[in-house]
């Protein structure tokens, strides 16, 4: 069951509210009875480095037109213009 608390309650019970969120409960903080903030568990962003980060990324080939040949080689590989 979702929990809604006012700002004053949230300040005095923050540790308990955090535990509820970590346990999977929805917690909303309200101001003057209107919901304004949902507490959620923080998630680290997934950052992909290297070639794997480009897999599935679509780009328009025209964007690379007129760019330094060395840069184009990085995208298309050696002998890209043959």
Protein backbone atom coordinates (compact mmCIF):
# COMPACT_ATOMS: atom_id res chain seq x y z
CA UNK A 1 0.00 0.00 0.00
CA UNK A 2 1.45 3.41 -0.96
CA UNK A 3 2.44 5.80 1.81
CA UNK A 4 1.88 9.55 1.59
CA UNK A 5 3.37 11.90 4.17
CA UNK A 6 3.58 15.66 4.47
CA UNK A 7 6.91 17.49 4.38
CA UNK A 8 7.11 17.85 8.17
CA UNK A 9 6.56 14.10 8.66
CA UNK A 10 9.09 13.31 5.95
CA UNK A 11 11.74 15.39 7.72
CA UNK A 12 11.17 13.70 11.06
CA UNK A 13 10.79 10.15 9.67
CA UNK A 14 13.20 10.13 6.74
CA UNK A 15 15.11 7.02 7.87
CA UNK A 16 11.88 5.02 8.20
CA UNK A 17 10.66 6.23 4.82
CA UNK A 18 13.93 5.20 3.20
CA UNK A 19 13.58 1.72 4.68
CA UNK A 20 10.05 1.47 3.26
CA UNK A 21 11.29 2.42 -0.21
CA UNK A 22 14.13 -0.10 0.02
CA UNK A 23 11.53 -2.73 0.97
CA UNK A 24 9.63 -1.97 -2.25
CA UNK A 25 6.92 0.33 -0.90
CA UNK A 26 5.85 3.49 -2.73
CA UNK A 27 6.40 6.66 -0.70
CA UNK A 28 5.13 10.09 -1.74
CA UNK A 29 5.81 13.40 -0.02
CA UNK A 30 2.98 15.92 -0.21
CA UNK A 31 2.78 19.65 0.34
CA UNK A 32 -0.61 20.99 1.48
CA UNK A 33 -2.08 17.57 0.71
CA UNK A 34 -0.88 17.55 -2.91
CA UNK A 35 1.72 14.94 -3.93
CA UNK A 36 4.95 16.62 -5.05
CA UNK A 37 7.78 14.07 -4.71
CA UNK A 38 8.08 10.29 -4.97
CA UNK A 39 10.93 8.63 -3.12
CA UNK A 40 12.63 6.00 -5.27
CA UNK A 41 15.65 3.74 -4.99
CA UNK A 42 18.70 5.22 -6.72
CA UNK A 43 19.90 3.29 -9.79
CA UNK A 44 23.40 3.70 -11.21
CA UNK A 45 23.33 4.52 -14.92
CA UNK A 46 24.68 1.80 -17.18
CA UNK A 47 27.58 3.24 -19.15
CA UNK A 48 28.94 1.19 -22.03
CA UNK A 49 32.47 1.90 -23.18
CA UNK A 50 34.13 1.02 -26.47
CA UNK A 51 32.62 -0.52 -29.59
CA UNK A 52 29.87 -2.19 -27.57
CA UNK A 53 28.46 1.27 -26.85
CA UNK A 54 27.94 1.87 -30.59
CA UNK A 55 26.08 -1.37 -31.32
CA UNK A 56 22.54 -0.53 -32.33
CA UNK A 57 23.22 3.22 -32.57
CA UNK A 58 21.91 4.61 -35.82
CA UNK A 59 23.50 7.61 -37.51
CA UNK A 60 23.15 9.19 -40.93
CA UNK A 61 26.16 8.55 -43.18
CA UNK A 62 25.80 12.08 -44.60
CA UNK A 63 26.88 13.44 -41.23
CA UNK A 64 30.40 12.13 -41.87
CA UNK A 65 30.63 13.53 -45.39
CA UNK A 66 33.46 16.04 -45.71
CA UNK A 67 34.99 15.06 -42.38
CA UNK A 68 38.68 14.29 -42.05
CA UNK A 69 39.43 10.90 -43.67
CA UNK A 70 41.12 9.67 -40.47
CA UNK A 71 37.88 10.25 -38.57
CA UNK A 72 35.87 8.47 -41.27
CA UNK A 73 38.26 5.54 -41.04
CA UNK A 74 37.43 5.26 -37.33
CA UNK A 75 33.76 4.76 -38.25
CA UNK A 76 34.06 2.65 -41.38
CA UNK A 77 37.43 0.94 -40.98
CA UNK A 78 40.44 0.78 -43.26
CA UNK A 79 39.77 1.09 -46.99
CA UNK A 80 36.36 2.65 -46.30
CA UNK A 81 36.50 4.72 -49.48
CA UNK A 82 37.26 1.84 -51.86
